[in-house]
Protein backbone atom coordinates (compact mmCIF):
# COMPACT_ATOMS: atom_id res chain seq x y z
CA MET A 1 -12.06 26.46 10.78
CA ILE A 2 -13.50 28.06 13.91
CA ARG A 3 -15.05 24.70 14.89
CA PHE A 4 -12.78 22.31 13.02
CA ALA A 5 -9.39 23.37 14.43
CA PRO A 6 -10.32 23.18 18.16
CA ASN A 7 -11.43 19.57 17.76
CA VAL A 8 -8.11 18.76 16.12
CA TYR A 9 -6.23 20.29 19.05
CA ILE A 10 -8.42 18.46 21.57
CA SER A 11 -7.81 15.14 19.81
CA SER A 12 -4.06 15.76 19.73
CA TYR A 13 -4.00 16.70 23.42
CA LEU A 14 -6.00 13.64 24.52
CA ASN A 15 -3.86 11.39 22.36
CA THR A 16 -0.61 12.84 23.75
CA THR A 17 -1.81 12.44 27.33
CA THR A 18 -3.05 8.87 26.57
CA ARG A 19 -6.62 9.83 27.47
CA LEU A 20 -8.14 9.40 24.01
CA THR A 21 -10.57 6.53 24.55
CA HIS A 22 -12.14 4.53 21.75
CA ASP A 23 -15.56 6.16 22.26
CA VAL A 24 -14.12 9.68 22.27
CA LEU A 25 -12.04 8.90 19.17
CA ASN A 26 -15.13 7.73 17.27
CA ARG A 27 -16.99 10.92 18.25
CA MET A 28 -14.04 13.05 17.19
CA LYS A 29 -13.81 11.24 13.86
CA THR A 30 -17.45 12.01 13.14
CA ILE A 31 -16.98 15.69 14.00
CA LEU A 32 -13.73 15.99 12.03
CA GLU A 33 -15.16 14.23 8.98
CA GLY A 34 -18.07 16.69 8.85
CA GLY A 35 -15.80 19.67 9.43
CA TYR A 36 -13.37 18.51 6.77
CA GLN A 37 -16.11 18.31 4.15
CA ARG A 38 -17.33 21.80 5.06
CA GLU A 39 -13.81 23.23 4.75
CA LEU A 40 -13.51 21.87 1.21
CA SER A 41 -16.29 24.25 0.16
CA TYR A 42 -13.92 27.18 0.78
CA VAL A 43 -11.09 26.03 -1.48
CA HIS A 44 -10.16 27.88 -4.69
CA ASN A 45 -9.29 26.15 -7.93
CA ASP A 46 -5.62 27.05 -7.36
CA GLY A 47 -5.58 25.27 -3.98
CA SER A 48 -5.81 28.35 -1.73
CA PHE A 49 -8.58 29.02 0.79
CA SER A 50 -10.77 32.03 1.59
CA ALA A 51 -14.07 32.74 3.32
CA PHE A 52 -16.03 33.04 0.07
CA GLU A 53 -14.10 30.50 -2.04
CA ASN A 54 -14.00 31.41 -5.75
CA ASN A 55 -16.18 34.48 -5.18
CA ASP A 56 -13.10 36.14 -3.66
CA LYS A 57 -10.46 37.43 -6.05
CA SER A 58 -7.79 35.48 -4.25
CA GLY A 59 -7.27 33.06 -1.43
CA THR A 60 -5.61 34.30 1.72
CA THR A 61 -2.10 33.32 2.76
CA TRP A 62 -2.98 33.21 6.45
CA LEU A 63 -6.11 31.06 6.08
CA THR A 64 -4.39 28.71 3.65
CA ALA A 65 -1.52 28.27 6.12
CA PHE A 66 -4.05 27.64 8.91
CA VAL A 67 -5.75 24.98 6.79
CA ILE A 68 -2.39 23.31 6.08
CA ILE A 69 -1.63 23.11 9.80
CA SER A 70 -5.08 21.83 10.76
CA PHE A 71 -5.37 19.29 7.94
CA SER A 72 -1.85 17.97 8.54
CA GLN A 73 -2.63 17.37 12.22
CA ALA A 74 -6.13 16.03 11.57
CA ALA A 75 -4.72 13.37 9.22
CA SER A 76 -3.78 11.36 12.32
CA PHE A 77 -7.44 11.01 13.29
CA THR A 78 -9.50 11.06 10.09
CA TYR A 79 -9.10 10.81 6.33
CA ILE A 80 -7.58 13.89 4.71
CA ASP A 81 -6.85 13.98 0.98
CA ILE A 82 -3.09 14.57 0.71
CA LYS A 83 -3.60 16.28 -2.65
CA VAL A 84 -5.57 19.08 -0.95
CA ILE A 85 -2.63 19.82 1.37
CA THR A 86 -0.11 19.50 -1.45
CA LYS A 87 -1.95 21.97 -3.68
CA ALA A 88 -2.30 24.44 -0.80
CA VAL A 89 1.45 24.22 -0.10
CA GLN A 90 2.26 24.76 -3.77
CA TRP A 91 0.11 27.91 -3.83
CA ILE A 92 1.49 29.34 -0.60
CA ILE A 93 5.11 28.89 -1.68
CA LYS A 94 4.38 31.04 -4.73
CA GLN A 95 3.42 33.90 -2.39
CA GLN A 96 6.97 34.23 -1.06
CA LYS A 97 8.78 37.42 -2.07
CA THR A 98 12.46 37.79 -2.91
CA SER A 99 12.97 39.15 0.61
CA GLY A 100 11.73 35.85 2.05
CA ALA A 101 8.50 37.34 3.45
CA PHE A 102 5.12 36.05 2.31
CA ASN A 103 2.58 38.19 0.50
CA GLU A 104 -1.05 38.38 1.67
CA PRO A 105 -3.20 38.86 -1.47
CA GLY A 106 -6.53 38.07 0.19
CA ILE A 107 -8.75 39.35 2.98
CA VAL A 108 -9.21 37.48 6.26
CA LEU A 109 -12.82 37.66 7.43
CA HIS A 110 -12.46 36.50 11.05
CA LYS A 111 -9.45 38.49 12.17
CA GLU A 112 -10.07 37.48 15.78
CA MET A 113 -8.77 34.03 14.88
CA GLN A 114 -5.37 35.36 13.89
CA GLY A 115 -4.13 36.50 17.24
CA GLY A 116 -0.84 38.27 16.54
CA SER A 117 0.07 36.26 13.46
CA LEU A 118 -0.89 39.12 11.12
CA SER A 119 0.46 42.01 13.18
CA SER A 120 3.50 42.24 10.90
CA LYS A 121 5.10 40.63 7.86
CA ARG A 122 7.46 38.79 10.17
CA SER A 123 4.58 37.32 12.15
CA LEU A 124 2.82 36.15 8.99
CA THR A 125 6.07 34.69 7.63
CA ALA A 126 6.66 32.81 10.88
CA PHE A 127 3.11 31.43 10.79
CA VAL A 128 3.51 30.25 7.18
CA LEU A 129 6.82 28.57 8.00
CA ILE A 130 5.12 26.70 10.85
CA ALA A 131 2.52 25.48 8.35
CA LEU A 132 5.22 24.32 5.93
CA LEU A 133 6.97 22.45 8.73
CA GLU A 134 3.70 20.69 9.59
CA ALA A 135 3.31 19.61 5.97
CA ARG A 136 6.96 18.59 5.83
CA ASP A 137 6.28 15.83 8.33
CA ASN A 138 4.18 14.19 5.64
CA LYS A 139 6.70 12.61 3.26
CA GLN A 140 4.18 12.31 0.43
CA VAL A 141 3.43 16.04 0.53
CA SER A 142 7.14 16.89 0.62
CA THR A 143 7.87 14.64 -2.35
CA GLU A 144 5.04 15.99 -4.50
CA VAL A 145 5.98 19.61 -3.75
CA ALA A 146 9.66 18.93 -4.50
CA VAL A 147 8.77 17.40 -7.87
CA TYR A 148 6.40 20.26 -8.69
CA PHE A 149 9.06 22.94 -8.19
CA ASN A 150 12.09 21.06 -9.54
CA VAL A 151 10.76 19.49 -12.73
CA ASN A 152 10.54 22.32 -15.28
CA ASN A 153 8.30 20.58 -17.77
CA ASP A 154 6.04 17.60 -17.73
CA LEU A 155 7.87 14.46 -18.78
CA ARG A 156 6.90 13.52 -22.33
CA GLN A 157 7.55 9.90 -21.50
CA PRO A 158 6.65 8.35 -18.15
CA ALA A 159 9.49 7.31 -15.90
CA PHE A 160 8.09 3.80 -15.85
CA ALA A 161 5.16 1.93 -17.32
CA LEU A 162 3.28 -1.11 -16.08
CA THR A 163 1.32 -3.17 -18.55
CA THR A 164 -0.70 -6.29 -17.79
CA THR A 165 -1.81 -8.76 -20.43
CA VAL A 166 -3.97 -11.86 -20.36
CA LEU A 167 -2.50 -15.01 -21.88
CA ASN A 168 -4.48 -16.41 -24.78
CA ASP A 169 -4.65 -19.85 -23.18
CA SER A 170 -5.60 -18.58 -19.73
CA THR A 171 -9.12 -18.09 -18.40
CA LYS A 172 -7.91 -16.81 -15.04
CA GLY A 173 -5.67 -14.01 -16.29
CA PHE A 174 -2.53 -15.65 -14.90
CA ARG A 175 -1.42 -19.24 -14.89
CA LEU A 176 1.53 -20.78 -13.09
CA ARG A 177 2.47 -23.84 -15.11
CA VAL A 178 4.45 -26.55 -13.35
CA CYS A 179 5.89 -29.38 -15.45
CA PHE A 180 7.37 -32.64 -14.18
CA ARG A 181 9.90 -34.60 -16.16
CA LEU A 182 11.75 -37.61 -14.79
CA ILE A 183 15.50 -37.36 -15.19
CA ASN A 184 17.29 -40.71 -15.65
CA THR A 185 15.91 -43.89 -14.12
CA MET A 186 14.04 -43.58 -10.84
CA TYR A 187 14.30 -46.09 -8.05
CA ILE A 188 12.50 -46.35 -4.76
CA SER A 189 14.44 -47.62 -1.79
CA TRP A 190 13.37 -48.37 1.73
CA LEU A 191 15.87 -48.56 4.49
CA ARG A 192 15.11 -52.31 4.51
CA GLY A 193 13.86 -52.78 0.99
CA GLY A 194 10.36 -52.64 -0.42
CA GLN A 195 8.43 -50.07 -2.39
CA SER A 196 6.57 -46.95 -1.30
CA THR A 197 2.88 -46.64 -1.99
CA MET A 198 2.61 -42.90 -1.52
CA GLY A 199 4.54 -39.74 -2.19
CA ILE A 200 3.97 -36.10 -1.37
CA LEU A 201 4.93 -33.15 -3.54
CA GLU A 202 4.42 -29.59 -2.26
CA ILE A 203 4.69 -26.61 -4.62
CA SER A 204 5.09 -23.13 -3.13
CA LEU A 205 3.13 -20.34 -4.79
CA PRO A 206 4.30 -16.81 -5.66
CA SER A 207 3.57 -14.18 -3.03
CA GLY A 208 0.02 -12.82 -3.21
CA MET A 209 -1.35 -15.72 -5.29
CA GLU A 210 -3.73 -18.54 -4.41
CA ALA A 211 -4.24 -21.84 -6.15
CA ASP A 212 -7.47 -22.56 -8.02
CA LEU A 213 -7.93 -26.24 -7.32
CA GLU A 214 -10.87 -26.51 -9.71
CA SER A 215 -8.59 -25.69 -12.62
CA ILE A 216 -6.04 -28.39 -11.74
CA ASP A 217 -6.66 -31.40 -14.00
CA THR A 218 -5.27 -34.69 -12.72
CA THR A 219 -7.44 -36.99 -14.86
CA ASN A 220 -4.77 -37.47 -17.52
CA THR A 221 -2.08 -38.64 -15.08
CA GLY A 222 -3.14 -42.26 -15.07
CA GLY A 223 -4.35 -42.15 -11.50
CA GLN A 224 -0.94 -41.07 -10.25
CA TYR A 225 -2.37 -38.23 -8.14
CA LYS A 226 -4.85 -39.39 -5.52
CA LYS A 227 -5.48 -36.07 -3.84
CA VAL A 228 -4.69 -32.39 -4.33
CA GLU A 229 -5.22 -29.80 -1.61
CA LYS A 230 -4.10 -26.36 -0.46
CA ALA A 231 -1.42 -26.23 2.17
CA PHE A 232 -1.05 -23.85 5.13
CA ARG A 233 -2.53 -20.37 4.50
CA ASN A 234 -3.06 -21.26 0.81
CA GLU A 235 0.66 -20.57 0.23
CA ALA A 236 1.32 -23.92 -1.44
CA VAL A 237 -0.39 -26.82 -3.22
CA THR A 238 0.18 -30.39 -2.01
CA PHE A 239 -0.07 -33.34 -4.43
CA TYR A 240 -0.49 -36.83 -2.96
CA GLN A 241 0.91 -39.39 -5.40
CA SER A 242 0.07 -43.07 -5.62
CA LYS A 243 3.78 -43.87 -5.94
CA ALA A 244 6.74 -42.01 -4.56
CA LEU A 245 9.25 -40.99 -7.20
CA ALA A 246 12.44 -41.73 -5.34
CA ASN A 247 15.64 -40.02 -6.47
CA ALA A 248 13.56 -37.45 -8.36
CA THR A 249 16.05 -34.78 -7.44
CA ILE A 250 15.25 -32.56 -10.40
CA ILE A 251 11.97 -31.27 -11.76
CA GLU A 252 11.16 -28.56 -14.25
CA VAL A 253 9.31 -25.40 -13.34
CA CYS A 254 8.14 -24.02 -16.66
CA GLY A 255 7.02 -20.50 -17.45
CA PRO A 256 5.37 -19.27 -20.66
CA ASN A 257 8.67 -19.07 -22.56
CA ASN A 258 11.32 -20.87 -20.57
CA CYS A 259 11.98 -23.70 -18.15
CA GLU A 260 14.55 -23.96 -15.44
CA GLU A 261 15.56 -26.97 -13.40
CA VAL A 262 15.20 -26.82 -9.64
CA LYS A 263 15.99 -29.31 -6.90
CA VAL A 264 13.34 -30.86 -4.69
CA LYS A 265 14.21 -30.57 -1.01
CA THR A 266 14.33 -33.69 1.16
CA VAL A 267 11.09 -34.71 2.86
CA ILE A 268 10.72 -37.48 5.46
CA LEU A 269 7.47 -39.46 5.26
CA LYS A 270 6.16 -41.63 8.07
CA TYR A 271 3.24 -43.95 7.38
CA GLU A 272 2.73 -45.83 10.66
CA LYS A 273 4.54 -45.98 13.96
CA ARG A 274 5.78 -49.51 13.28
CA LYS A 275 6.77 -48.81 9.70
CA TRP A 276 10.13 -47.60 8.58
CA PHE A 277 10.73 -44.07 7.37
CA LEU A 278 10.94 -43.31 3.67
CA ASN A 279 13.59 -40.84 2.64
CA TYR A 280 11.99 -39.05 -0.30
CA LEU A 281 14.50 -37.03 -2.30
């Protein structure tokens, strides 16, 4: 901590004064990463810290509080495992007496680092409270500590469960099946008569998914689909049909066990500048 903490304070100061350049930040990250790994060699199994780790009978309240402060601040500049801070907070809270003061069960090796924070029980208590306030700024630490001290026993059943299964007929693990069924008789109308020779159907995909064009089979559609491609940012699939299905206001979007009817929004198609527009419903 003698070398780790000063670099944390320097990084915080430079960042606050907007003088933390990219090069300096990279150098600080390297120093802090190495210091962080060294500090982990001083942690006890119960989450406390001392100069001789598990060779000491107990961790020290002061050093553990110092680690909580330093790690909480260093998390803004390098990776710090939140569980390390959480476990240290859980241990230090157990050291609080009924009077509100905090007990010091361990021995601090470098007393010159303490300043006046160990001159009295009040000073130590104030220092520990500062550490807890630093950890409190991290919502994940606060939540885990709150659960630890407010849930008497481990839950026999989890609060929620997430199970994923692979469909028997799916080789990709998940398949979005889209079915088309013509409702009633379909007619194609130009503004001045005639018949369309092309139609476009765009299907939006669920968030986070991407179409696998190789798995889309259009060979059994009688040549109806001339081209299939991914739309903007792979968020949809566009089907180019050989004939526009005018008045096809309803299609079926089918899932594994159910189908629901949805309306197709209006799309205006323009073939050539001199041609008329086709209103595709």
